[in-house]
Amino acid sequence: MELKQKAAHISETLEDLLGVPTRDGAGDVLECLILTILSQNTTDVSRDKGYAKLKERFPTWEDVLHADAKAIEAAIRVAGLGKQKSETIKNFLRWLKDEHGELSLAFIHDMETEEALELLCQHKGIGIKTASVTLSFACGREVFPVDTHILRISKRLGLIPANCSAEKAHQVLPPIVPSGKAYPFHMNLIYFGRRICDARKPLCERCPLTEHCLYFRDNLQA
């Protein structure tokens, strides 16, 4: 089975198992970007706590822009990597104000997807995953972010090579994702990774995808 067919079958199987996730609608692009920066290398719960603390301490983005980096770091400490993330946020806000005169990324909606990805990724601390999540969730773009669950599962299912990096996966996976399915496929792979295809103890006995799974073939198949 060629990779596009395999990806389509996996997508359909996951939709049968988990349903078809839909977006809530376009959100504020800058808010989504900051949330995604805070989500790097941490849990959703810690991200949300960090964002809540940040907004409690600094109610507006102007407040964040003019705040001391150490104060931002203290506010978002619960999200982890406080120094790194505070510098990324502050530097991006400074660039945004200098280049566009206001702290808004609404103009992203008018940009081509590749152009928008390039613009976001030029900033230290904002990689292809962070940029892709922002464009997918806030702008409804047909991009395919690759998180740790998706990277692991894609390797187990043979969609990408075992030695494929996360950055390379952002190039390899999008061309084989079924048309119009980038968001639901992305979300369902994450749900699947959390509920069934665990990193250490995958529940293979509950998995509907073992026919495609290299991990199952190499480790568990009789």
N, C-alpha and C. Protein backbone atom coordinates (compact mmCIF):
# COMPACT_ATOMS: atom_id res chain seq x y z
N MET A 1 0.85 -1.20 0.00
CA MET A 1 0.00 0.00 0.00
C MET A 1 0.88 1.25 0.00
N GLU A 2 0.66 2.14 -0.95
CA GLU A 2 1.47 3.35 -1.00
C GLU A 2 1.09 4.29 0.14
N LEU A 3 1.98 5.24 0.46
CA LEU A 3 1.84 6.03 1.68
C LEU A 3 0.56 6.86 1.72
N LYS A 4 0.16 7.44 0.59
CA LYS A 4 -1.07 8.23 0.58
C LYS A 4 -2.28 7.37 0.90
N GLN A 5 -2.32 6.18 0.33
CA GLN A 5 -3.42 5.26 0.62
C GLN A 5 -3.42 4.85 2.07
N LYS A 6 -2.22 4.55 2.59
CA LYS A 6 -2.11 4.15 3.99
C LYS A 6 -2.58 5.28 4.91
N ALA A 7 -2.13 6.49 4.65
CA ALA A 7 -2.52 7.63 5.48
C ALA A 7 -4.03 7.84 5.43
N ALA A 8 -4.63 7.67 4.24
CA ALA A 8 -6.08 7.84 4.10
C ALA A 8 -6.82 6.78 4.90
N HIS A 9 -6.32 5.54 4.85
CA HIS A 9 -6.97 4.46 5.60
C HIS A 9 -6.84 4.69 7.09
N ILE A 10 -5.68 5.13 7.54
CA ILE A 10 -5.47 5.42 8.96
C ILE A 10 -6.39 6.55 9.41
N SER A 11 -6.49 7.59 8.59
CA SER A 11 -7.35 8.72 8.91
C SER A 11 -8.81 8.28 9.05
N GLU A 12 -9.28 7.47 8.11
CA GLU A 12 -10.66 6.98 8.14
C GLU A 12 -10.90 6.09 9.37
N THR A 13 -9.94 5.24 9.66
CA THR A 13 -10.07 4.33 10.80
C THR A 13 -10.15 5.10 12.11
N LEU A 14 -9.31 6.13 12.24
CA LEU A 14 -9.33 6.94 13.46
C LEU A 14 -10.63 7.73 13.58
N GLU A 15 -11.17 8.19 12.46
CA GLU A 15 -12.45 8.90 12.51
C GLU A 15 -13.58 7.96 12.93
N ASP A 16 -13.52 6.71 12.47
CA ASP A 16 -14.51 5.72 12.91
C ASP A 16 -14.40 5.47 14.40
N LEU A 17 -13.17 5.49 14.90
CA LEU A 17 -12.92 5.20 16.31
C LEU A 17 -13.19 6.40 17.21
N LEU A 18 -12.77 7.58 16.76
CA LEU A 18 -12.74 8.76 17.63
C LEU A 18 -13.66 9.89 17.21
N GLY A 19 -14.24 9.79 16.02
CA GLY A 19 -15.06 10.88 15.51
C GLY A 19 -14.25 11.82 14.64
N VAL A 20 -14.87 12.91 14.21
CA VAL A 20 -14.23 13.89 13.33
C VAL A 20 -14.11 15.22 14.06
N PRO A 21 -12.94 15.53 14.58
CA PRO A 21 -12.76 16.81 15.30
C PRO A 21 -12.98 18.00 14.37
N THR A 22 -13.58 19.05 14.90
CA THR A 22 -13.77 20.28 14.14
C THR A 22 -13.21 21.45 14.91
N ARG A 23 -12.77 22.46 14.20
CA ARG A 23 -12.27 23.67 14.83
C ARG A 23 -13.41 24.47 15.44
N ASP A 24 -13.11 25.21 16.48
CA ASP A 24 -14.11 26.08 17.10
C ASP A 24 -14.35 27.34 16.27
N GLY A 25 -13.45 27.60 15.33
CA GLY A 25 -13.52 28.83 14.55
C GLY A 25 -12.22 29.59 14.68
N ALA A 26 -12.04 30.60 13.85
CA ALA A 26 -10.81 31.39 13.88
C ALA A 26 -10.66 32.09 15.23
N GLY A 27 -9.44 32.09 15.75
CA GLY A 27 -9.18 32.75 17.02
C GLY A 27 -8.20 33.89 16.83
N ASP A 28 -7.86 34.53 17.93
CA ASP A 28 -6.88 35.60 17.88
C ASP A 28 -5.50 35.00 17.61
N VAL A 29 -4.85 35.45 16.56
CA VAL A 29 -3.61 34.81 16.11
C VAL A 29 -2.48 35.00 17.12
N LEU A 30 -2.35 36.20 17.64
CA LEU A 30 -1.27 36.46 18.60
C LEU A 30 -1.48 35.66 19.88
N GLU A 31 -2.70 35.62 20.37
CA GLU A 31 -3.00 34.83 21.56
C GLU A 31 -2.65 33.36 21.33
N CYS A 32 -3.02 32.83 20.18
CA CYS A 32 -2.73 31.44 19.86
C CYS A 32 -1.23 31.20 19.79
N LEU A 33 -0.49 32.13 19.21
CA LEU A 33 0.97 32.00 19.12
C LEU A 33 1.60 31.95 20.50
N ILE A 34 1.19 32.87 21.38
CA ILE A 34 1.76 32.90 22.73
C ILE A 34 1.42 31.62 23.49
N LEU A 35 0.18 31.17 23.36
CA LEU A 35 -0.20 29.90 23.99
C LEU A 35 0.65 28.74 23.48
N THR A 36 0.92 28.74 22.20
CA THR A 36 1.69 27.64 21.61
C THR A 36 3.15 27.71 22.04
N ILE A 37 3.69 28.90 22.16
CA ILE A 37 5.04 29.05 22.70
C ILE A 37 5.10 28.47 24.12
N LEU A 38 4.10 28.80 24.92
CA LEU A 38 4.06 28.31 26.30
C LEU A 38 3.88 26.80 26.36
N SER A 39 3.28 26.21 25.32
CA SER A 39 3.02 24.77 25.33
C SER A 39 4.25 23.93 25.01
N GLN A 40 5.33 24.58 24.57
CA GLN A 40 6.52 23.83 24.16
C GLN A 40 7.09 23.05 25.34
N ASN A 41 7.27 21.74 25.15
CA ASN A 41 7.89 20.87 26.15
C ASN A 41 7.18 20.88 27.50
N THR A 42 5.86 20.97 27.47
CA THR A 42 5.11 20.89 28.71
C THR A 42 3.73 20.34 28.42
N THR A 43 2.90 20.23 29.46
CA THR A 43 1.55 19.70 29.29
C THR A 43 0.57 20.84 29.00
N ASP A 44 -0.61 20.46 28.51
CA ASP A 44 -1.66 21.46 28.26
C ASP A 44 -2.06 22.15 29.56
N VAL A 45 -2.11 21.39 30.64
CA VAL A 45 -2.49 21.96 31.94
C VAL A 45 -1.48 23.02 32.38
N SER A 46 -0.19 22.71 32.27
CA SER A 46 0.85 23.66 32.67
C SER A 46 0.86 24.87 31.76
N ARG A 47 0.64 24.65 30.47
CA ARG A 47 0.54 25.76 29.52
C ARG A 47 -0.58 26.72 29.92
N ASP A 48 -1.74 26.17 30.21
CA ASP A 48 -2.89 27.00 30.54
C ASP A 48 -2.68 27.76 31.85
N LYS A 49 -2.04 27.11 32.81
CA LYS A 49 -1.73 27.79 34.07
C LYS A 49 -0.75 28.93 33.82
N GLY A 50 0.26 28.68 32.99
CA GLY A 50 1.24 29.70 32.68
C GLY A 50 0.61 30.89 31.97
N TYR A 51 -0.30 30.60 31.04
CA TYR A 51 -0.96 31.68 30.30
C TYR A 51 -1.86 32.49 31.24
N ALA A 52 -2.59 31.81 32.12
CA ALA A 52 -3.46 32.50 33.07
C ALA A 52 -2.66 33.41 33.99
N LYS A 53 -1.51 32.91 34.47
CA LYS A 53 -0.65 33.72 35.33
C LYS A 53 -0.10 34.93 34.58
N LEU A 54 0.27 34.71 33.31
CA LEU A 54 0.80 35.80 32.50
C LEU A 54 -0.23 36.91 32.34
N LYS A 55 -1.48 36.53 32.01
CA LYS A 55 -2.53 37.52 31.78
C LYS A 55 -2.99 38.18 33.08
N GLU A 56 -2.89 37.44 34.18
CA GLU A 56 -3.22 38.03 35.48
C GLU A 56 -2.21 39.11 35.86
N ARG A 57 -0.94 38.81 35.59
CA ARG A 57 0.13 39.77 35.95
C ARG A 57 0.22 40.89 34.93
N PHE A 58 -0.01 40.59 33.65
CA PHE A 58 0.10 41.58 32.58
C PHE A 58 -1.15 41.48 31.69
N PRO A 59 -2.18 42.26 31.97
CA PRO A 59 -3.46 42.10 31.28
C PRO A 59 -3.43 42.36 29.77
N THR A 60 -2.52 43.20 29.29
CA THR A 60 -2.47 43.49 27.86
C THR A 60 -1.10 43.10 27.30
N TRP A 61 -1.04 42.93 25.97
CA TRP A 61 0.24 42.61 25.33
C TRP A 61 1.21 43.78 25.45
N GLU A 62 0.67 45.01 25.51
CA GLU A 62 1.54 46.17 25.75
C GLU A 62 2.22 46.05 27.11
N ASP A 63 1.46 45.56 28.10
CA ASP A 63 2.05 45.35 29.43
C ASP A 63 3.18 44.33 29.36
N VAL A 64 2.97 43.27 28.61
CA VAL A 64 4.01 42.24 28.47
C VAL A 64 5.22 42.81 27.75
N LEU A 65 4.97 43.57 26.69
CA LEU A 65 6.06 44.17 25.91
C LEU A 65 6.97 45.02 26.79
N HIS A 66 6.39 45.81 27.68
CA HIS A 66 7.17 46.75 28.49
C HIS A 66 7.62 46.16 29.82
N ALA A 67 7.25 44.92 30.09
CA ALA A 67 7.64 44.28 31.35
C ALA A 67 9.08 43.81 31.30
N ASP A 68 9.67 43.69 32.47
CA ASP A 68 11.01 43.13 32.57
C ASP A 68 10.94 41.63 32.26
N ALA A 69 11.93 41.14 31.52
CA ALA A 69 11.93 39.74 31.11
C ALA A 69 11.87 38.80 32.30
N LYS A 70 12.51 39.19 33.40
CA LYS A 70 12.50 38.32 34.59
C LYS A 70 11.11 38.26 35.22
N ALA A 71 10.35 39.33 35.11
CA ALA A 71 8.99 39.33 35.63
C ALA A 71 8.09 38.42 34.78
N ILE A 72 8.31 38.45 33.47
CA ILE A 72 7.57 37.54 32.58
C ILE A 72 7.95 36.10 32.90
N GLU A 73 9.24 35.87 33.07
CA GLU A 73 9.73 34.53 33.40
C GLU A 73 9.09 34.01 34.67
N ALA A 74 8.98 34.85 35.68
CA ALA A 74 8.37 34.44 36.94
C ALA A 74 6.89 34.10 36.75
N ALA A 75 6.22 34.87 35.92
CA ALA A 75 4.79 34.67 35.70
C ALA A 75 4.50 33.34 35.01
N ILE A 76 5.38 32.95 34.10
CA ILE A 76 5.11 31.74 33.29
C ILE A 76 5.90 30.53 33.77
N ARG A 77 6.52 30.63 34.94
CA ARG A 77 7.41 29.57 35.41
C ARG A 77 6.75 28.20 35.42
N VAL A 78 5.46 28.15 35.74
CA VAL A 78 4.76 26.87 35.84
C VAL A 78 4.75 26.13 34.50
N ALA A 79 4.89 26.86 33.39
CA ALA A 79 4.89 26.23 32.06
C ALA A 79 6.26 25.67 31.68
N GLY A 80 7.27 25.92 32.50
CA GLY A 80 8.61 25.40 32.22
C GLY A 80 9.36 26.26 31.22
N LEU A 81 10.69 26.13 31.21
CA LEU A 81 11.56 26.87 30.30
C LEU A 81 11.25 28.36 30.33
N GLY A 82 11.05 28.88 31.54
CA GLY A 82 10.59 30.27 31.68
C GLY A 82 11.50 31.30 31.05
N LYS A 83 12.81 31.15 31.22
CA LYS A 83 13.74 32.13 30.67
C LYS A 83 13.68 32.14 29.14
N GLN A 84 13.72 30.96 28.57
CA GLN A 84 13.70 30.83 27.11
C GLN A 84 12.39 31.37 26.53
N LYS A 85 11.29 30.97 27.12
CA LYS A 85 9.98 31.37 26.59
C LYS A 85 9.71 32.85 26.79
N SER A 86 10.14 33.40 27.92
CA SER A 86 9.93 34.83 28.17
C SER A 86 10.71 35.66 27.16
N GLU A 87 11.91 35.24 26.83
CA GLU A 87 12.71 35.96 25.84
C GLU A 87 12.08 35.87 24.45
N THR A 88 11.58 34.68 24.12
CA THR A 88 10.91 34.51 22.82
C THR A 88 9.70 35.42 22.70
N ILE A 89 8.87 35.44 23.74
CA ILE A 89 7.65 36.25 23.73
C ILE A 89 7.98 37.73 23.66
N LYS A 90 8.88 38.18 24.51
CA LYS A 90 9.22 39.61 24.55
C LYS A 90 9.87 40.06 23.24
N ASN A 91 10.79 39.27 22.72
CA ASN A 91 11.45 39.64 21.47
C ASN A 91 10.47 39.68 20.31
N PHE A 92 9.53 38.74 20.29
CA PHE A 92 8.55 38.73 19.20
C PHE A 92 7.63 39.95 19.30
N LEU A 93 7.17 40.27 20.50
CA LEU A 93 6.31 41.44 20.67
C LEU A 93 7.04 42.73 20.28
N ARG A 94 8.31 42.82 20.62
CA ARG A 94 9.08 44.00 20.25
C ARG A 94 9.19 44.12 18.73
N TRP A 95 9.48 42.99 18.08
CA TRP A 95 9.56 43.00 16.61
C TRP A 95 8.21 43.38 16.00
N LEU A 96 7.13 42.81 16.53
CA LEU A 96 5.80 43.05 15.98
C LEU A 96 5.43 44.53 16.09
N LYS A 97 5.72 45.14 17.22
CA LYS A 97 5.41 46.57 17.42
C LYS A 97 6.27 47.43 16.50
N ASP A 98 7.54 47.10 16.38
CA ASP A 98 8.44 47.88 15.53
C ASP A 98 8.08 47.76 14.05
N GLU A 99 7.73 46.56 13.62
CA GLU A 99 7.48 46.31 12.20
C GLU A 99 6.07 46.68 11.76
N HIS A 100 5.09 46.49 12.64
CA HIS A 100 3.69 46.65 12.23
C HIS A 100 2.93 47.71 13.02
N GLY A 101 3.58 48.30 14.01
CA GLY A 101 2.98 49.43 14.70
C GLY A 101 1.92 49.09 15.73
N GLU A 102 1.54 47.82 15.82
CA GLU A 102 0.56 47.40 16.82
C GLU A 102 0.79 45.94 17.17
N LEU A 103 0.27 45.55 18.33
CA LEU A 103 0.46 44.18 18.79
C LEU A 103 -0.72 43.32 18.35
N SER A 104 -0.73 43.05 17.06
CA SER A 104 -1.77 42.22 16.46
C SER A 104 -1.16 41.44 15.31
N LEU A 105 -1.62 40.20 15.17
CA LEU A 105 -1.20 39.38 14.03
C LEU A 105 -2.36 39.13 13.07
N ALA A 106 -3.35 40.00 13.11
CA ALA A 106 -4.51 39.84 12.24
C ALA A 106 -4.13 39.83 10.77
N PHE A 107 -3.03 40.51 10.43
CA PHE A 107 -2.60 40.58 9.04
C PHE A 107 -2.20 39.21 8.48
N ILE A 108 -1.92 38.26 9.38
CA ILE A 108 -1.55 36.91 8.95
C ILE A 108 -2.67 36.29 8.09
N HIS A 109 -3.90 36.64 8.40
CA HIS A 109 -5.04 36.08 7.66
C HIS A 109 -4.96 36.39 6.17
N ASP A 110 -4.30 37.47 5.82
CA ASP A 110 -4.21 37.89 4.42
C ASP A 110 -2.97 37.35 3.71
N MET A 111 -2.14 36.59 4.42
CA MET A 111 -0.90 36.08 3.84
C MET A 111 -1.09 34.66 3.32
N GLU A 112 -0.30 34.30 2.32
CA GLU A 112 -0.26 32.91 1.87
C GLU A 112 0.35 32.05 2.99
N THR A 113 -0.05 30.80 3.05
CA THR A 113 0.37 29.94 4.15
C THR A 113 1.89 29.83 4.25
N GLU A 114 2.56 29.55 3.14
CA GLU A 114 4.02 29.39 3.18
C GLU A 114 4.70 30.68 3.61
N GLU A 115 4.17 31.81 3.16
CA GLU A 115 4.72 33.11 3.53
C GLU A 115 4.56 33.34 5.03
N ALA A 116 3.39 32.97 5.56
CA ALA A 116 3.13 33.14 6.99
C ALA A 116 4.03 32.23 7.84
N LEU A 117 4.20 31.00 7.39
CA LEU A 117 5.09 30.08 8.10
C LEU A 117 6.52 30.63 8.14
N GLU A 118 6.95 31.14 7.01
CA GLU A 118 8.31 31.69 6.93
C GLU A 118 8.47 32.89 7.84
N LEU A 119 7.46 33.75 7.87
CA LEU A 119 7.52 34.93 8.72
C LEU A 119 7.63 34.56 10.19
N LEU A 120 6.83 33.60 10.63
CA LEU A 120 6.86 33.21 12.04
C LEU A 120 8.15 32.47 12.40
N CYS A 121 8.61 31.61 11.50
CA CYS A 121 9.77 30.78 11.80
C CYS A 121 11.09 31.54 11.77
N GLN A 122 11.07 32.78 11.32
CA GLN A 122 12.32 33.55 11.31
C GLN A 122 12.71 34.01 12.72
N HIS A 123 11.81 33.82 13.67
CA HIS A 123 12.05 34.29 15.02
C HIS A 123 12.58 33.16 15.91
N LYS A 124 13.62 33.46 16.66
CA LYS A 124 14.20 32.48 17.57
C LYS A 124 13.16 32.02 18.57
N GLY A 125 13.04 30.72 18.74
CA GLY A 125 12.08 30.16 19.69
C GLY A 125 10.75 29.80 19.07
N ILE A 126 10.58 30.14 17.78
CA ILE A 126 9.35 29.80 17.06
C ILE A 126 9.74 28.89 15.90
N GLY A 127 9.49 27.60 16.06
CA GLY A 127 9.84 26.64 15.02
C GLY A 127 8.64 26.29 14.17
N ILE A 128 8.83 25.33 13.30
CA ILE A 128 7.80 24.96 12.34
C ILE A 128 6.56 24.40 13.04
N LYS A 129 6.73 23.67 14.14
CA LYS A 129 5.56 23.15 14.85
C LYS A 129 4.73 24.28 15.45
N THR A 130 5.38 25.21 16.13
CA THR A 130 4.68 26.34 16.75
C THR A 130 3.97 27.18 15.70
N ALA A 131 4.65 27.44 14.59
CA ALA A 131 4.04 28.22 13.52
C ALA A 131 2.87 27.48 12.90
N SER A 132 3.02 26.18 12.69
CA SER A 132 1.96 25.38 12.08
C SER A 132 0.73 25.29 12.97
N VAL A 133 0.93 25.09 14.26
CA VAL A 133 -0.19 25.05 15.20
C VAL A 133 -0.96 26.38 15.16
N THR A 134 -0.22 27.48 15.16
CA THR A 134 -0.85 28.80 15.13
C THR A 134 -1.70 28.97 13.88
N LEU A 135 -1.17 28.61 12.73
CA LEU A 135 -1.90 28.79 11.48
C LEU A 135 -3.08 27.83 11.39
N SER A 136 -2.93 26.64 11.93
CA SER A 136 -4.03 25.67 11.90
C SER A 136 -5.16 26.08 12.82
N PHE A 137 -4.82 26.37 14.07
CA PHE A 137 -5.84 26.62 15.08
C PHE A 137 -6.45 28.01 14.99
N ALA A 138 -5.64 29.02 14.72
CA ALA A 138 -6.15 30.40 14.72
C ALA A 138 -6.62 30.86 13.35
N CYS A 139 -6.06 30.27 12.29
CA CYS A 139 -6.36 30.75 10.95
C CYS A 139 -7.09 29.72 10.09
N GLY A 140 -7.25 28.51 10.59
CA GLY A 140 -7.95 27.48 9.83
C GLY A 140 -7.21 27.02 8.59
N ARG A 141 -5.90 27.13 8.59
CA ARG A 141 -5.12 26.75 7.42
C ARG A 141 -4.92 25.24 7.35
N GLU A 142 -4.76 24.75 6.15
CA GLU A 142 -4.58 23.32 5.91
C GLU A 142 -3.10 22.98 6.07
N VAL A 143 -2.62 23.07 7.31
CA VAL A 143 -1.24 22.70 7.64
C VAL A 143 -1.31 21.56 8.65
N PHE A 144 -0.19 20.84 8.79
CA PHE A 144 -0.19 19.63 9.60
C PHE A 144 0.93 19.68 10.64
N PRO A 145 0.65 20.20 11.84
CA PRO A 145 1.67 20.24 12.88
C PRO A 145 2.01 18.83 13.36
N VAL A 146 3.28 18.62 13.68
CA VAL A 146 3.75 17.31 14.14
C VAL A 146 4.25 17.44 15.57
N ASP A 147 3.50 16.88 16.52
CA ASP A 147 3.94 16.87 17.91
C ASP A 147 4.59 15.53 18.24
N THR A 148 4.92 15.31 19.50
CA THR A 148 5.63 14.09 19.87
C THR A 148 4.78 12.84 19.64
N HIS A 149 3.47 12.93 19.91
CA HIS A 149 2.59 11.79 19.66
C HIS A 149 2.57 11.44 18.17
N ILE A 150 2.40 12.46 17.34
CA ILE A 150 2.29 12.22 15.90
C ILE A 150 3.61 11.69 15.35
N LEU A 151 4.72 12.20 15.84
CA LEU A 151 6.02 11.72 15.38
C LEU A 151 6.19 10.24 15.72
N ARG A 152 5.88 9.88 16.96
CA ARG A 152 6.01 8.49 17.40
C ARG A 152 5.09 7.56 16.61
N ILE A 153 3.82 7.93 16.48
CA ILE A 153 2.85 7.08 15.81
C ILE A 153 3.16 6.95 14.33
N SER A 154 3.59 8.03 13.71
CA SER A 154 3.91 8.00 12.28
C SER A 154 5.08 7.06 12.00
N LYS A 155 6.02 6.99 12.93
CA LYS A 155 7.13 6.05 12.78
C LYS A 155 6.65 4.62 12.99
N ARG A 156 5.83 4.40 14.00
CA ARG A 156 5.33 3.05 14.26
C ARG A 156 4.49 2.53 13.09
N LEU A 157 3.76 3.42 12.45
CA LEU A 157 2.88 3.02 11.35
C LEU A 157 3.59 3.03 9.99
N GLY A 158 4.86 3.40 10.00
CA GLY A 158 5.63 3.37 8.76
C GLY A 158 5.31 4.49 7.79
N LEU A 159 4.77 5.59 8.31
CA LEU A 159 4.49 6.74 7.44
C LEU A 159 5.75 7.56 7.20
N ILE A 160 6.68 7.50 8.14
CA ILE A 160 7.97 8.18 8.02
C ILE A 160 9.06 7.23 8.52
N PRO A 161 10.30 7.43 8.10
CA PRO A 161 11.39 6.56 8.55
C PRO A 161 11.62 6.65 10.06
N ALA A 162 12.16 5.62 10.64
CA ALA A 162 12.39 5.56 12.08
C ALA A 162 13.34 6.63 12.58
N ASN A 163 14.24 7.10 11.71
CA ASN A 163 15.21 8.12 12.12
C ASN A 163 14.77 9.53 11.72
N CYS A 164 13.52 9.70 11.33
CA CYS A 164 13.03 11.00 10.87
C CYS A 164 12.92 11.97 12.04
N SER A 165 13.45 13.17 11.89
CA SER A 165 13.34 14.19 12.92
C SER A 165 11.97 14.86 12.85
N ALA A 166 11.61 15.57 13.90
CA ALA A 166 10.33 16.29 13.91
C ALA A 166 10.30 17.35 12.81
N GLU A 167 11.42 18.04 12.63
CA GLU A 167 11.47 19.08 11.59
C GLU A 167 11.30 18.47 10.20
N LYS A 168 11.97 17.35 9.95
CA LYS A 168 11.85 16.68 8.65
C LYS A 168 10.44 16.15 8.46
N ALA A 169 9.81 15.69 9.53
CA ALA A 169 8.44 15.15 9.44
C ALA A 169 7.46 16.21 8.97
N HIS A 170 7.74 17.48 9.29
CA HIS A 170 6.87 18.56 8.83
C HIS A 170 6.95 18.75 7.31
N GLN A 171 7.99 18.20 6.70
CA GLN A 171 8.10 18.23 5.24
C GLN A 171 7.53 16.96 4.61
N VAL A 172 7.74 15.83 5.29
CA VAL A 172 7.40 14.53 4.70
C VAL A 172 5.91 14.19 4.85
N LEU A 173 5.31 14.52 5.99
CA LEU A 173 3.94 14.11 6.25
C LEU A 173 2.86 14.91 5.49
N PRO A 174 2.95 16.24 5.41
CA PRO A 174 1.86 16.98 4.76
C PRO A 174 1.47 16.49 3.36
N PRO A 175 2.41 16.10 2.49
CA PRO A 175 2.00 15.65 1.15
C PRO A 175 1.18 14.36 1.14
N ILE A 176 1.24 13.57 2.23
CA ILE A 176 0.48 12.32 2.23
C ILE A 176 -0.80 12.40 3.07
N VAL A 177 -1.00 13.54 3.76
CA VAL A 177 -2.22 13.72 4.55
C VAL A 177 -3.39 13.89 3.59
N PRO A 178 -4.50 13.16 3.82
CA PRO A 178 -5.66 13.29 2.93
C PRO A 178 -6.14 14.73 2.80
N SER A 179 -6.51 15.12 1.61
CA SER A 179 -6.95 16.49 1.35
C SER A 179 -8.11 16.88 2.25
N GLY A 180 -8.00 18.04 2.87
CA GLY A 180 -9.04 18.55 3.75
C GLY A 180 -9.07 17.93 5.12
N LYS A 181 -8.12 17.04 5.42
CA LYS A 181 -8.14 16.31 6.69
C LYS A 181 -7.00 16.69 7.63
N ALA A 182 -6.28 17.74 7.33
CA ALA A 182 -5.11 18.07 8.15
C ALA A 182 -5.48 18.25 9.62
N TYR A 183 -6.52 19.03 9.90
CA TYR A 183 -6.88 19.27 11.31
C TYR A 183 -7.43 18.02 11.99
N PRO A 184 -8.47 17.35 11.44
CA PRO A 184 -8.98 16.16 12.13
C PRO A 184 -7.95 15.05 12.25
N PHE A 185 -7.10 14.88 11.24
CA PHE A 185 -6.08 13.83 11.31
C PHE A 185 -5.06 14.17 12.39
N HIS A 186 -4.66 15.43 12.44
CA HIS A 186 -3.73 15.89 13.48
C HIS A 186 -4.31 15.63 14.87
N MET A 187 -5.54 16.05 15.11
CA MET A 187 -6.14 15.90 16.43
C MET A 187 -6.37 14.43 16.79
N ASN A 188 -6.83 13.64 15.83
CA ASN A 188 -7.10 12.24 16.12
C ASN A 188 -5.83 11.45 16.41
N LEU A 189 -4.74 11.79 15.75
CA LEU A 189 -3.48 11.12 16.06
C LEU A 189 -3.02 11.45 17.48
N ILE A 190 -3.27 12.69 17.91
CA ILE A 190 -2.94 13.07 19.29
C ILE A 190 -3.82 12.31 20.28
N TYR A 191 -5.13 12.29 20.03
CA TYR A 191 -6.04 11.54 20.90
C TYR A 191 -5.64 10.06 20.96
N PHE A 192 -5.32 9.50 19.79
CA PHE A 192 -4.92 8.11 19.68
C PHE A 192 -3.64 7.85 20.47
N GLY A 193 -2.70 8.79 20.39
CA GLY A 193 -1.45 8.65 21.13
C GLY A 193 -1.64 8.72 22.63
N ARG A 194 -2.61 9.50 23.07
CA ARG A 194 -2.87 9.64 24.51
C ARG A 194 -3.66 8.46 25.07
N ARG A 195 -4.57 7.92 24.25
CA ARG A 195 -5.50 6.91 24.76
C ARG A 195 -5.07 5.47 24.47
N ILE A 196 -4.38 5.26 23.35
CA ILE A 196 -4.06 3.89 22.94
C ILE A 196 -2.57 3.70 22.65
N CYS A 197 -2.01 4.51 21.75
CA CYS A 197 -0.64 4.28 21.31
C CYS A 197 0.36 5.01 22.20
N ASP A 198 0.37 4.62 23.47
CA ASP A 198 1.25 5.23 24.47
C ASP A 198 2.71 4.96 24.12
N ALA A 199 3.57 5.87 24.53
CA ALA A 199 4.99 5.74 24.20
C ALA A 199 5.60 4.48 24.82
N ARG A 200 5.29 4.20 26.07
CA ARG A 200 5.92 3.08 26.77
C ARG A 200 5.07 1.82 26.79
N LYS A 201 3.76 2.00 26.95
CA LYS A 201 2.88 0.83 27.05
C LYS A 201 1.69 0.98 26.11
N PRO A 202 1.94 0.83 24.81
CA PRO A 202 0.81 0.95 23.87
C PRO A 202 -0.20 -0.17 24.08
N LEU A 203 -1.48 0.17 23.97
CA LEU A 203 -2.55 -0.81 24.17
C LEU A 203 -2.86 -1.48 22.84
N CYS A 204 -1.95 -2.29 22.39
CA CYS A 204 -2.07 -2.91 21.07
C CYS A 204 -3.31 -3.79 20.94
N GLU A 205 -3.76 -4.35 22.07
CA GLU A 205 -4.95 -5.19 22.02
C GLU A 205 -6.21 -4.39 21.70
N ARG A 206 -6.15 -3.07 21.86
CA ARG A 206 -7.29 -2.21 21.54
C ARG A 206 -7.11 -1.44 20.24
N CYS A 207 -6.00 -1.66 19.58
CA CYS A 207 -5.64 -0.85 18.42
C CYS A 207 -6.24 -1.41 17.13
N PRO A 208 -6.90 -0.55 16.33
CA PRO A 208 -7.45 -0.99 15.05
C PRO A 208 -6.46 -0.85 13.89
N LEU A 209 -5.22 -0.50 14.20
CA LEU A 209 -4.24 -0.21 13.15
C LEU A 209 -3.05 -1.16 13.15
N THR A 210 -3.16 -2.30 13.83
CA THR A 210 -2.01 -3.20 13.94
C THR A 210 -1.56 -3.75 12.59
N GLU A 211 -2.46 -3.80 11.61
CA GLU A 211 -2.06 -4.30 10.29
C GLU A 211 -1.02 -3.40 9.63
N HIS A 212 -0.97 -2.14 10.05
CA HIS A 212 -0.01 -1.19 9.48
C HIS A 212 1.21 -0.98 10.38
N CYS A 213 1.17 -1.51 11.59
CA CYS A 213 2.12 -1.10 12.63
C CYS A 213 3.41 -1.92 12.63
N LEU A 214 4.51 -1.24 12.41
CA LEU A 214 5.82 -1.89 12.43
C LEU A 214 6.20 -2.30 13.85
N TYR A 215 5.79 -1.48 14.83
CA TYR A 215 6.06 -1.81 16.23
C TYR A 215 5.38 -3.12 16.61
N PHE A 216 4.13 -3.27 16.23
CA PHE A 216 3.38 -4.49 16.51
C PHE A 216 4.01 -5.68 15.79
N ARG A 217 4.36 -5.46 14.53
CA ARG A 217 4.96 -6.55 13.74
C ARG A 217 6.28 -7.01 14.34
N ASP A 218 7.10 -6.07 14.77
CA ASP A 218 8.44 -6.41 15.22
C ASP A 218 8.52 -6.84 16.68
N ASN A 219 7.52 -6.44 17.48
CA ASN A 219 7.62 -6.70 18.92
C ASN A 219 6.56 -7.62 19.49
N LEU A 220 5.38 -7.65 18.89
CA LEU A 220 4.27 -8.35 19.55
C LEU A 220 3.61 -9.43 18.71
N GLN A 221 3.76 -9.34 17.42
CA GLN A 221 3.06 -10.30 16.58
C GLN A 221 3.63 -11.71 16.76
N ALA A 222 2.77 -12.67 16.96
CA ALA A 222 3.21 -14.05 17.19
C ALA A 222 3.79 -14.63 15.91
